[in-house]
C-alpha atoms as a PDB file:
ATOM      1  CA  MET A   1     159.691 172.638 126.827  1.00  0.00           C
ATOM      2  CA  THR A   2     156.453 174.831 126.467  1.00  0.00           C
ATOM      3  CA  ASN A   3     153.886 175.992 129.215  1.00  0.00           C
ATOM      4  CA  ALA A   4     150.903 174.693 127.049  1.00  0.00           C
ATOM      5  CA  LEU A   5     148.250 173.266 129.061  1.00  0.00           C
ATOM      6  CA  HIS A   6     146.198 170.370 127.988  1.00  0.00           C
ATOM      7  CA  ILE A   7     142.592 171.069 128.174  1.00  0.00           C
ATOM      8  CA  LEU A   8     140.336 168.075 128.669  1.00  0.00           C
ATOM      9  CA  THR A   9     136.648 168.191 128.410  1.00  0.00           C
ATOM     10  CA  ARG A  10     133.880 165.630 129.932  1.00  0.00           C
ATOM     11  CA  THR A  11     133.885 164.347 126.465  1.00  0.00           C
ATOM     12  CA  ASP A  12     137.177 163.660 126.283  1.00  0.00           C
ATOM     13  CA  LEU A  13     137.527 161.751 129.179  1.00  0.00           C
ATOM     14  CA  ALA A  14     134.345 159.908 128.808  1.00  0.00           C
ATOM     15  CA  ASP A  15     135.372 156.825 127.385  1.00  0.00           C
ATOM     16  CA  ILE A  16     139.010 156.613 129.016  1.00  0.00           C
ATOM     17  CA  ASP A  17     138.752 153.323 130.801  1.00  0.00           C
ATOM     18  CA  ILE A  18     140.658 152.351 133.964  1.00  0.00           C
ATOM     19  CA  PRO A  19     139.745 149.095 135.873  1.00  0.00           C
ATOM     20  CA  PRO A  20     138.575 149.274 139.489  1.00  0.00           C
ATOM     21  CA  ALA A  21     141.433 147.586 140.583  1.00  0.00           C
ATOM     22  CA  GLU A  22     144.034 150.044 139.247  1.00  0.00           C
ATOM     23  CA  ILE A  23     141.989 152.550 140.406  1.00  0.00           C
ATOM     24  CA  ILE A  24     141.727 151.704 144.142  1.00  0.00           C
ATOM     25  CA  GLU A  25     145.745 150.980 143.697  1.00  0.00           C
ATOM     26  CA  LEU A  26     146.110 154.737 142.718  1.00  0.00           C
ATOM     27  CA  VAL A  27     144.161 156.026 145.405  1.00  0.00           C
ATOM     28  CA  GLU A  28     145.649 153.710 147.936  1.00  0.00           C
ATOM     29  CA  ASP A  29     149.288 154.849 147.128  1.00  0.00           C
ATOM     30  CA  GLY A  30     147.818 158.250 147.416  1.00  0.00           C
ATOM     31  CA  TYR A  31     147.074 157.787 151.121  1.00  0.00           C
ATOM     32  CA  LEU A  32     150.339 155.883 151.388  1.00  0.00           C
ATOM     33  CA  ALA A  33     152.462 158.695 150.345  1.00  0.00           C
ATOM     34  CA  PHE A  34     150.516 161.251 152.525  1.00  0.00           C
ATOM     35  CA  ALA A  35     150.912 158.712 155.455  1.00  0.00           C
ATOM     36  CA  ARG A  36     154.735 158.765 154.694  1.00  0.00           C
ATOM     37  CA  GLY A  37     154.904 162.538 154.668  1.00  0.00           C
ATOM     38  CA  ASP A  38     155.906 162.891 151.124  1.00  0.00           C
ATOM     39  CA  SER A  39     152.582 164.672 149.959  1.00  0.00           C
ATOM     40  CA  ARG A  40     150.626 167.649 151.280  1.00  0.00           C
ATOM     41  CA  CYS A  41     146.932 168.028 151.799  1.00  0.00           C
ATOM     42  CA  PRO A  42     145.611 171.407 153.561  1.00  0.00           C
ATOM     43  CA  VAL A  43     142.139 171.182 154.738  1.00  0.00           C
ATOM     44  CA  LYS A  44     139.657 172.081 151.682  1.00  0.00           C
ATOM     45  CA  LEU A  45     138.112 175.372 151.763  1.00  0.00           C
ATOM     46  CA  MET A  46     134.116 175.587 151.617  1.00  0.00           C
ATOM     47  CA  MET A  47     131.939 178.502 151.055  1.00  0.00           C
ATOM     48  CA  PRO A  48     128.205 178.655 151.237  1.00  0.00           C
ATOM     49  CA  ILE A  49     126.917 181.293 148.769  1.00  0.00           C
ATOM     50  CA  PRO A  50     124.697 183.875 151.084  1.00  0.00           C
ATOM     51  CA  LYS A  51     121.296 183.137 148.721  1.00  0.00           C
ATOM     52  CA  PRO A  52     119.763 180.696 150.560  1.00  0.00           C
ATOM     53  CA  GLU A  53     117.321 180.204 147.699  1.00  0.00           C
ATOM     54  CA  ARG A  54     119.955 178.941 145.539  1.00  0.00           C
ATOM     55  CA  ASP A  55     121.228 176.174 147.674  1.00  0.00           C
ATOM     56  CA  ALA A  56     124.474 176.992 146.399  1.00  0.00           C
ATOM     57  CA  VAL A  57     128.065 176.018 147.763  1.00  0.00           C
ATOM     58  CA  SER A  58     131.495 175.951 146.453  1.00  0.00           C
ATOM     59  CA  TYR A  59     134.827 173.968 147.326  1.00  0.00           C
ATOM     60  CA  SER A  60     138.518 174.407 146.484  1.00  0.00           C
ATOM     61  CA  MET A  61     141.409 172.094 147.645  1.00  0.00           C
ATOM     62  CA  LEU A  62     145.100 172.225 146.747  1.00  0.00           C
ATOM     63  CA  GLY A  63     147.649 169.427 147.156  1.00  0.00           C
ATOM     64  CA  TYR A  64     150.695 167.790 146.160  1.00  0.00           C
ATOM     65  CA  ASP A  65     151.348 164.321 145.300  1.00  0.00           C
ATOM     66  CA  GLY A  66     154.944 163.132 146.562  1.00  0.00           C
ATOM     67  CA  SER A  67     155.096 160.208 144.332  1.00  0.00           C
ATOM     68  CA  LEU A  68     153.942 161.745 141.156  1.00  0.00           C
ATOM     69  CA  GLU A  69     155.768 164.873 141.982  1.00  0.00           C
ATOM     70  CA  HIS A  70     152.615 166.801 141.026  1.00  0.00           C
ATOM     71  CA  LEU A  71     150.617 169.681 142.181  1.00  0.00           C
ATOM     72  CA  GLY A  72     146.764 170.242 142.113  1.00  0.00           C
ATOM     73  CA  PHE A  73     144.183 172.590 142.439  1.00  0.00           C
ATOM     74  CA  LYS A  74     140.409 171.333 142.505  1.00  0.00           C
ATOM     75  CA  THR A  75     137.333 173.771 142.436  1.00  0.00           C
ATOM     76  CA  SER A  76     133.836 172.726 142.734  1.00  0.00           C
ATOM     77  CA  TYR A  77     130.511 174.643 142.642  1.00  0.00           C
ATOM     78  CA  ARG A  78     127.138 173.314 143.047  1.00  0.00           C
ATOM     79  CA  GLN A  79     123.727 175.050 142.922  1.00  0.00           C
ATOM     80  CA  GLY A  80     120.866 172.767 144.418  1.00  0.00           C
ATOM     81  CA  SER A  81     121.307 169.628 145.861  1.00  0.00           C
ATOM     82  CA  GLU A  82     118.547 167.655 143.877  1.00  0.00           C
ATOM     83  CA  SER A  83     120.484 166.911 140.838  1.00  0.00           C
ATOM     84  CA  ALA A  84     123.744 166.858 138.947  1.00  0.00           C
ATOM     85  CA  GLU A  85     122.470 169.354 136.234  1.00  0.00           C
ATOM     86  CA  LYS A  86     124.316 172.407 138.187  1.00  0.00           C
ATOM     87  CA  TYR A  87     127.455 170.617 139.548  1.00  0.00           C
ATOM     88  CA  TYR A  88     130.733 172.007 137.954  1.00  0.00           C
ATOM     89  CA  THR A  89     134.086 170.373 139.206  1.00  0.00           C
ATOM     90  CA  THR A  90     137.669 171.061 137.810  1.00  0.00           C
ATOM     91  CA  ILE A  91     141.285 170.162 138.256  1.00  0.00           C
ATOM     92  CA  SER A  92     144.393 171.523 137.114  1.00  0.00           C
ATOM     93  CA  LEU A  93     147.652 169.612 137.221  1.00  0.00           C
ATOM     94  CA  TYR A  94     151.455 171.019 137.421  1.00  0.00           C
ATOM     95  CA  ASP A  95     154.535 168.921 137.117  1.00  0.00           C
ATOM     96  CA  ASP A  96     156.686 169.632 139.945  1.00  0.00           C
ATOM     97  CA  THR A  97     159.776 167.991 138.213  1.00  0.00           C
ATOM     98  CA  THR A  98     159.686 170.720 135.047  1.00  0.00           C
ATOM     99  CA  GLY A  99     157.627 173.666 136.938  1.00  0.00           C
ATOM    100  CA  LEU A 100     155.390 173.421 133.919  1.00  0.00           C
ATOM    101  CA  PRO A 101     151.644 173.005 133.581  1.00  0.00           C
ATOM    102  CA  PHE A 102     150.270 169.845 132.481  1.00  0.00           C
ATOM    103  CA  ALA A 103     146.505 169.639 132.512  1.00  0.00           C
ATOM    104  CA  TYR A 104     143.391 171.494 133.033  1.00  0.00           C
ATOM    105  CA  MET A 105     140.489 169.070 132.799  1.00  0.00           C
ATOM    106  CA  ASP A 106     136.784 168.224 134.200  1.00  0.00           C
ATOM    107  CA  CYS A 107     136.993 166.420 137.616  1.00  0.00           C
ATOM    108  CA  GLN A 108     133.412 164.664 137.390  1.00  0.00           C
ATOM    109  CA  ARG A 109     134.950 161.764 136.028  1.00  0.00           C
ATOM    110  CA  VAL A 110     137.956 161.737 138.494  1.00  0.00           C
ATOM    111  CA  GLY A 111     135.546 162.026 141.369  1.00  0.00           C
ATOM    112  CA  ALA A 112     133.170 159.298 140.149  1.00  0.00           C
ATOM    113  CA  ALA A 113     136.377 157.019 140.230  1.00  0.00           C
ATOM    114  CA  ARG A 114     138.076 158.313 142.970  1.00  0.00           C
ATOM    115  CA  THR A 115     135.130 158.227 145.372  1.00  0.00           C
ATOM    116  CA  PRO A 116     134.087 154.791 145.243  1.00  0.00           C
ATOM    117  CA  ALA A 117     138.000 153.656 145.392  1.00  0.00           C
ATOM    118  CA  THR A 118     138.128 155.376 148.783  1.00  0.00           C
ATOM    119  CA  THR A 119     134.769 153.579 149.991  1.00  0.00           C
ATOM    120  CA  ALA A 120     136.207 150.292 148.914  1.00  0.00           C
ATOM    121  CA  ILE A 121     139.337 150.922 150.712  1.00  0.00           C
ATOM    122  CA  ILE A 122     137.707 151.880 153.938  1.00  0.00           C
ATOM    123  CA  ALA A 123     135.647 148.630 153.618  1.00  0.00           C
ATOM    124  CA  LYS A 124     138.833 146.490 152.911  1.00  0.00           C
ATOM    125  CA  HIS A 125     140.026 147.801 156.446  1.00  0.00           C
ATOM    126  CA  SER A 126     137.141 148.352 158.379  1.00  0.00           C
ATOM    127  CA  ALA A 127     134.484 145.880 157.443  1.00  0.00           C
ATOM    128  CA  ARG A 128     134.355 142.641 159.843  1.00  0.00           C
ATOM    129  CA  ALA A 129     136.446 139.768 158.250  1.00  0.00           C
ATOM    130  CA  CYS A 130     133.046 137.839 157.736  1.00  0.00           C
ATOM    131  CA  ALA A 131     131.135 140.378 155.910  1.00  0.00           C
ATOM    132  CA  THR A 132     128.957 139.113 153.273  1.00  0.00           C
ATOM    133  CA  SER A 133     126.558 141.554 152.475  1.00  0.00           C
ATOM    134  CA  ALA A 134     126.630 145.397 151.174  1.00  0.00           C
ATOM    135  CA  LEU A 135     123.881 147.980 150.732  1.00  0.00           C
ATOM    136  CA  MET A 136     124.317 151.105 148.720  1.00  0.00           C
ATOM    137  CA  ILE A 137     122.233 153.721 149.310  1.00  0.00           C
ATOM    138  CA  GLY A 138     122.017 156.530 146.588  1.00  0.00           C
ATOM    139  CA  THR A 139     122.618 156.522 142.898  1.00  0.00           C
ATOM    140  CA  GLY A 140     124.148 159.823 142.049  1.00  0.00           C
ATOM    141  CA  VAL A 141     127.232 160.547 140.256  1.00  0.00           C
ATOM    142  CA  GLN A 142     129.718 159.569 143.372  1.00  0.00           C
ATOM    143  CA  GLY A 143     127.904 156.537 144.077  1.00  0.00           C
ATOM    144  CA  ARG A 144     126.866 154.562 141.137  1.00  0.00           C
ATOM    145  CA  ASN A 145     130.438 152.963 140.979  1.00  0.00           C
ATOM    146  CA  THR A 146     130.435 152.056 144.491  1.00  0.00           C
ATOM    147  CA  LEU A 147     129.351 148.214 144.414  1.00  0.00           C
ATOM    148  CA  PRO A 148     131.709 147.228 141.619  1.00  0.00           C
ATOM    149  CA  TYR A 149     134.689 148.654 143.506  1.00  0.00           C
ATOM    150  CA  LEU A 150     133.644 147.384 146.751  1.00  0.00           C
ATOM    151  CA  LEU A 151     133.411 143.607 145.017  1.00  0.00           C
ATOM    152  CA  THR A 152     136.904 144.374 143.687  1.00  0.00           C
ATOM    153  CA  ALA A 153     138.274 145.063 147.226  1.00  0.00           C
ATOM    154  CA  LEU A 154     135.937 142.348 148.916  1.00  0.00           C
ATOM    155  CA  PRO A 155     135.234 139.510 146.296  1.00  0.00           C
ATOM    156  CA  HIS A 156     133.837 137.361 149.121  1.00  0.00           C
ATOM    157  CA  LEU A 157     130.566 139.693 149.289  1.00  0.00           C
ATOM    158  CA  GLU A 158     127.739 137.506 148.470  1.00  0.00           C
ATOM    159  CA  ARG A 159     124.919 139.815 148.377  1.00  0.00           C
ATOM    160  CA  LEU A 160     124.546 143.264 147.050  1.00  0.00           C
ATOM    161  CA  ARG A 161     121.459 145.590 147.605  1.00  0.00           C
ATOM    162  CA  LEU A 162     120.765 149.307 145.906  1.00  0.00           C
ATOM    163  CA  PHE A 163     118.348 151.770 147.346  1.00  0.00           C
ATOM    164  CA  GLY A 164     117.409 154.378 144.979  1.00  0.00           C
ATOM    165  CA  THR A 165     114.834 156.858 143.599  1.00  0.00           C
ATOM    166  CA  HIS A 166     115.788 157.840 140.085  1.00  0.00           C
ATOM    167  CA  PRO A 167     115.418 155.193 137.427  1.00  0.00           C
ATOM    168  CA  ASP A 168     118.291 156.466 135.429  1.00  0.00           C
ATOM    169  CA  GLY A 169     120.591 156.322 138.466  1.00  0.00           C
ATOM    170  CA  ILE A 170     119.451 152.962 139.485  1.00  0.00           C
ATOM    171  CA  ALA A 171     119.811 151.670 135.678  1.00  0.00           C
ATOM    172  CA  GLU A 172     123.487 153.376 135.577  1.00  0.00           C
ATOM    173  CA  SER A 173     124.294 151.524 138.889  1.00  0.00           C
ATOM    174  CA  ILE A 174     123.308 148.133 137.464  1.00  0.00           C
ATOM    175  CA  ALA A 175     125.048 148.822 134.372  1.00  0.00           C
ATOM    176  CA  ALA A 176     128.465 149.942 136.424  1.00  0.00           C
ATOM    177  CA  LEU A 177     128.339 146.611 137.995  1.00  0.00           C
ATOM    178  CA  HIS A 178     127.540 144.602 135.126  1.00  0.00           C
ATOM    179  CA  ARG A 179     130.611 146.448 133.111  1.00  0.00           C
ATOM    180  CA  TRP A 180     133.142 144.713 135.548  1.00  0.00           C
ATOM    181  CA  PHE A 181     130.957 141.736 137.017  1.00  0.00           C
ATOM    182  CA  PRO A 182     128.108 140.519 134.305  1.00  0.00           C
ATOM    183  CA  GLU A 183     127.003 137.592 136.577  1.00  0.00           C
ATOM    184  CA  ARG A 184     126.497 139.488 139.684  1.00  0.00           C
ATOM    185  CA  GLU A 185     123.202 141.079 140.515  1.00  0.00           C
ATOM    186  CA  ILE A 186     121.658 143.710 142.690  1.00  0.00           C
ATOM    187  CA  ASP A 187     119.051 143.512 144.960  1.00  0.00           C
ATOM    188  CA  LEU A 188     116.602 146.913 144.762  1.00  0.00           C
ATOM    189  CA  VAL A 189     115.135 147.415 148.181  1.00  0.00           C
ATOM    190  CA  ASP A 190     112.521 150.114 149.148  1.00  0.00           C
ATOM    191  CA  ASP A 191     112.817 149.493 153.235  1.00  0.00           C
ATOM    192  CA  VAL A 192     115.951 151.195 154.387  1.00  0.00           C
ATOM    193  CA  PRO A 193     116.074 150.657 158.067  1.00  0.00           C
ATOM    194  CA  THR A 194     115.388 146.668 157.481  1.00  0.00           C
ATOM    195  CA  ALA A 195     118.364 146.646 154.615  1.00  0.00           C
ATOM    196  CA  VAL A 196     120.926 148.276 157.084  1.00  0.00           C
ATOM    197  CA  ALA A 197     119.983 145.853 159.831  1.00  0.00           C
ATOM    198  CA  GLU A 198     120.552 142.835 157.150  1.00  0.00           C
ATOM    199  CA  SER A 199     124.003 144.431 155.607  1.00  0.00           C
ATOM    200  CA  ASP A 200     127.558 144.125 156.650  1.00  0.00           C
ATOM    201  CA  ILE A 201     128.926 147.267 154.884  1.00  0.00           C
ATOM    202  CA  VAL A 202     126.119 150.138 154.494  1.00  0.00           C
ATOM    203  CA  VAL A 203     127.493 153.076 152.225  1.00  0.00           C
ATOM    204  CA  VAL A 204     125.351 156.192 152.014  1.00  0.00           C
ATOM    205  CA  ALA A 205     125.887 158.767 149.419  1.00  0.00           C
ATOM    206  CA  SER A 206     122.162 160.022 148.839  1.00  0.00           C
ATOM    207  CA  GLY A 207     121.710 164.036 149.281  1.00  0.00           C
ATOM    208  CA  ARG A 208     118.353 165.125 150.350  1.00  0.00           C
ATOM    209  CA  ALA A 209     117.337 161.813 151.037  1.00  0.00           C
ATOM    210  CA  ALA A 210     114.052 160.345 149.819  1.00  0.00           C
ATOM    211  CA  HIS A 211     114.674 157.718 152.823  1.00  0.00           C
ATOM    212  CA  PRO A 212     114.818 157.686 156.753  1.00  0.00           C
ATOM    213  CA  LYS A 213     118.207 159.252 157.823  1.00  0.00           C
ATOM    214  CA  VAL A 214     120.426 156.086 158.668  1.00  0.00           C
ATOM    215  CA  ARG A 215     121.332 155.731 161.938  1.00  0.00           C
ATOM    216  CA  THR A 216     124.000 153.418 163.174  1.00  0.00           C
ATOM    217  CA  GLU A 217     122.119 152.125 165.619  1.00  0.00           C
ATOM    218  CA  TRP A 218     120.454 149.988 162.976  1.00  0.00           C
ATOM    219  CA  LEU A 219     123.579 148.137 161.846  1.00  0.00           C
ATOM    220  CA  PRO A 220     123.950 144.711 163.005  1.00  0.00           C
ATOM    221  CA  PRO A 221     126.886 143.964 165.245  1.00  0.00           C
ATOM    222  CA  GLY A 222     130.029 144.259 163.605  1.00  0.00           C
ATOM    223  CA  GLY A 223     128.543 146.785 160.826  1.00  0.00           C
ATOM    224  CA  LEU A 224     130.181 149.339 158.979  1.00  0.00           C
ATOM    225  CA  LEU A 225     128.607 152.471 158.073  1.00  0.00           C
ATOM    226  CA  ILE A 226     130.502 154.706 155.503  1.00  0.00           C
ATOM    227  CA  SER A 227     128.872 158.577 154.845  1.00  0.00           C
ATOM    228  CA  VAL A 228     130.365 159.730 151.512  1.00  0.00           C
ATOM    229  CA  ALA A 229     129.686 163.359 153.224  1.00  0.00           C
ATOM    230  CA  SER A 230     125.802 162.215 153.003  1.00  0.00           C
ATOM    231  CA  LYS A 231     122.931 164.440 153.955  1.00  0.00           C
ATOM    232  CA  GLY A 232     121.296 160.742 154.420  1.00  0.00           C
ATOM    233  CA  VAL A 233     123.014 159.987 157.671  1.00  0.00           C
ATOM    234  CA  GLU A 234     121.650 161.208 160.932  1.00  0.00           C
ATOM    235  CA  SER A 235     123.776 163.638 162.596  1.00  0.00           C
ATOM    236  CA  GLY A 236     124.167 161.439 165.655  1.00  0.00           C
ATOM    237  CA  ALA A 237     125.809 158.604 163.456  1.00  0.00           C
ATOM    238  CA  LEU A 238     129.352 159.432 164.669  1.00  0.00           C
ATOM    239  CA  ARG A 239     128.701 159.775 168.221  1.00  0.00           C
ATOM    240  CA  ALA A 240     126.735 156.184 168.242  1.00  0.00           C
ATOM    241  CA  ALA A 241     129.733 154.406 166.857  1.00  0.00           C
ATOM    242  CA  ASP A 242     131.499 152.228 168.811  1.00  0.00           C
ATOM    243  CA  TYR A 243     134.550 153.227 166.574  1.00  0.00           C
ATOM    244  CA  ALA A 244     134.896 155.842 164.353  1.00  0.00           C
ATOM    245  CA  ILE A 245     137.108 156.733 161.179  1.00  0.00           C
ATOM    246  CA  ALA A 246     137.634 159.660 158.713  1.00  0.00           C
ATOM    247  CA  THR A 247     139.599 160.256 155.734  1.00  0.00           C
ATOM    248  CA  SER A 248     140.525 163.558 157.244  1.00  0.00           C
ATOM    249  CA  ALA A 249     139.778 164.725 160.589  1.00  0.00           C
ATOM    250  CA  GLY A 250     140.349 168.263 159.381  1.00  0.00           C
ATOM    251  CA  GLN A 251     137.872 167.768 156.531  1.00  0.00           C
ATOM    252  CA  LEU A 252     135.518 165.971 158.839  1.00  0.00           C
ATOM    253  CA  GLY A 253     135.352 169.375 160.538  1.00  0.00           C
ATOM    254  CA  VAL A 254     134.599 171.108 157.610  1.00  0.00           C
ATOM    255  CA  THR A 255     131.931 169.123 155.337  1.00  0.00           C
ATOM    256  CA  GLY A 256     130.920 166.918 158.520  1.00  0.00           C
ATOM    257  CA  ALA A 257     130.366 170.032 160.980  1.00  0.00           C
ATOM    258  CA  ARG A 258     126.863 168.607 161.777  1.00  0.00           C
ATOM    259  CA  LEU A 259     128.471 165.338 163.220  1.00  0.00           C
ATOM    260  CA  ALA A 260     130.247 167.183 165.973  1.00  0.00           C
ATOM    261  CA  GLY A 261     129.767 166.212 169.527  1.00  0.00           C
ATOM    262  CA  PRO A 262     128.707 168.178 172.466  1.00  0.00           C
ATOM    263  CA  ALA A 263     132.229 169.804 172.402  1.00  0.00           C
ATOM    264  CA  GLY A 264     131.700 171.341 169.162  1.00  0.00           C
ATOM    265  CA  GLN A 265     134.425 169.075 167.397  1.00  0.00           C
ATOM    266  CA  PRO A 266     133.980 165.548 165.722  1.00  0.00           C
ATOM    267  CA  GLU A 267     135.992 163.063 167.751  1.00  0.00           C
ATOM    268  CA  ILE A 268     137.287 160.267 165.605  1.00  0.00           C
ATOM    269  CA  ASP A 269     139.538 157.225 166.599  1.00  0.00           C
ATOM    270  CA  ALA A 270     141.853 156.957 163.410  1.00  0.00           C
ATOM    271  CA  GLU A 271     142.016 158.357 160.047  1.00  0.00           C
ATOM    272  CA  LEU A 272     142.414 156.474 156.990  1.00  0.00           C
ATOM    273  CA  PRO A 273     145.795 157.203 155.656  1.00  0.00           C
ATOM    274  CA  ASP A 274     147.282 155.976 159.167  1.00  0.00           C
ATOM    275  CA  ILE A 275     145.067 152.792 158.650  1.00  0.00           C
ATOM    276  CA  VAL A 276     146.282 152.043 155.077  1.00  0.00           C
ATOM    277  CA  ALA A 277     149.774 152.571 156.562  1.00  0.00           C
ATOM    278  CA  GLY A 278     149.141 150.208 159.165  1.00  0.00           C
ATOM    279  CA  ARG A 279     149.561 152.561 162.130  1.00  0.00           C
ATOM    280  CA  ALA A 280     146.123 152.650 163.026  1.00  0.00           C
ATOM    281  CA  SER A 281     143.190 150.063 163.133  1.00  0.00           C
ATOM    282  CA  GLY A 282     140.188 150.095 161.063  1.00  0.00           C
ATOM    283  CA  ARG A 283     138.029 148.976 164.161  1.00  0.00           C
ATOM    284  CA  SER A 284     138.682 147.936 167.662  1.00  0.00           C
ATOM    285  CA  GLY A 285     136.638 144.912 167.824  1.00  0.00           C
ATOM    286  CA  ALA A 286     134.728 142.215 165.698  1.00  0.00           C
ATOM    287  CA  ASP A 287     131.434 143.506 167.243  1.00  0.00           C
ATOM    288  CA  ASP A 288     132.300 147.061 166.881  1.00  0.00           C
ATOM    289  CA  ARG A 289     129.562 149.208 165.023  1.00  0.00           C
ATOM    290  CA  VAL A 290     132.080 151.433 162.750  1.00  0.00           C
ATOM    291  CA  PHE A 291     131.104 154.506 161.431  1.00  0.00           C
ATOM    292  CA  ALA A 292     133.479 156.334 158.576  1.00  0.00           C
ATOM    293  CA  PHE A 293     133.470 159.466 157.268  1.00  0.00           C
ATOM    294  CA  ALA A 294     134.555 159.673 153.589  1.00  0.00           C
ATOM    295  CA  SER A 295     135.368 163.415 152.336  1.00  0.00           C
ATOM    296  CA  GLY A 296     137.227 163.979 149.107  1.00  0.00           C
ATOM    297  CA  MET A 297     141.244 164.617 149.447  1.00  0.00           C
ATOM    298  CA  ILE A 298     143.197 165.907 146.418  1.00  0.00           C
ATOM    299  CA  ILE A 299     145.932 163.652 147.133  1.00  0.00           C
ATOM    300  CA  THR A 300     143.768 161.079 145.705  1.00  0.00           C
ATOM    301  CA  ASP A 301     142.315 163.195 143.062  1.00  0.00           C
ATOM    302  CA  ILE A 302     145.725 163.886 141.825  1.00  0.00           C
ATOM    303  CA  PRO A 303     146.721 160.353 140.529  1.00  0.00           C
ATOM    304  CA  VAL A 304     143.476 159.648 139.195  1.00  0.00           C
ATOM    305  CA  ALA A 305     143.430 162.882 137.576  1.00  0.00           C
ATOM    306  CA  TYR A 306     146.854 162.070 135.998  1.00  0.00           C
ATOM    307  CA  ALA A 307     146.017 158.571 134.736  1.00  0.00           C
ATOM    308  CA  LEU A 308     142.900 159.616 132.980  1.00  0.00           C
ATOM    309  CA  ALA A 309     144.816 162.852 131.590  1.00  0.00           C
ATOM    310  CA  THR A 310     147.711 160.902 129.990  1.00  0.00           C
ATOM    311  CA  ARG A 311     145.628 158.306 128.665  1.00  0.00           C
ATOM    312  CA  ALA A 312     143.598 161.041 127.136  1.00  0.00           C
ATOM    313  CA  VAL A 313     146.333 162.889 125.697  1.00  0.00           C
ATOM    314  CA  ALA A 314     148.214 159.566 124.444  1.00  0.00           C
ATOM    315  CA  ALA A 315     144.793 159.011 122.307  1.00  0.00           C
ATOM    316  CA  GLY A 316     145.287 162.356 120.945  1.00  0.00           C
ATOM    317  CA  ARG A 317     142.107 164.109 122.941  1.00  0.00           C
ATOM    318  CA  GLY A 318     141.887 167.646 124.368  1.00  0.00           C
ATOM    319  CA  GLN A 319     143.419 170.952 122.940  1.00  0.00           C
ATOM    320  CA  ARG A 320     146.707 172.131 123.832  1.00  0.00           C
ATOM    321  CA  VAL A 321     146.491 176.100 124.770  1.00  0.00           C
ATOM    322  CA  GLU A 322     149.214 178.546 125.267  1.00  0.00           C
ATOM    323  CA  LEU A 323     147.247 179.962 127.881  1.00  0.00           C
ATOM    324  CA  TRP A 324     150.537 182.319 129.178  1.00  0.00           C
ATOM    325  CA  SER A 325     151.624 183.392 125.727  1.00  0.00           C
END
């Protein structure tokens, strides 16, 4: 055995294809392992950079996936929130069965798969049973795959809507849907409040949004609003909900602090791992307006990163580096 590390670039991973259904299963298994107590996932660290004019922030996450028996370290740095040009994220994996390093890799592709899978899992458990329509707001890297993942988890959805302001992002969102569902179409919308009022599921993944900030009150009875750590959601969205959930209450307190109530701490009804494990409900009533805060947990990054890395290595991608020689 050797302590060589597989280094995998964004290009190495670009065409490694894993179907949405498989990614959703990997992510759901990650939540289940955590709910069983087999995994560990401390709250992420967030550090704003003390130069306001740069609008920069950094994140770090450490976790252990008990199913794979792999440890993961993830780091992210972003400068500016208007584009993804200065957003850099990596993940490193270590095999706890051998005690050896496995991979160090670009994590953009991981997030672009894990995030919509989490959104789809939330919708599967928290959307009302008769949901037939979904609205995606935002066309960045974290949101472009959302509609095909939603449709994979909820094949009965009839109408798909999209709001975006970047032509390339809109085109890539449409292409992502047609990659897996070539027969389905997307309705482009420009009136966000009206589209929200007509949608059973609303996903907001916009940054400094070019739209009115979405309010829970705009939802129809029984509607579900999922915020992908989005600045495009009104700060009172959680408090206005009849039922509120989060992937992690701890991480909501870090990345969703602006949603906090009068006591200074966000109050939720359930966490997603408990919902997936059947220990908590995704909603309390059919007419509830549900708010869900989706923040990334490394326990779901690890299985997706491992799946991408093993396929890339098997295809001869990347480099082996004797980092500790």
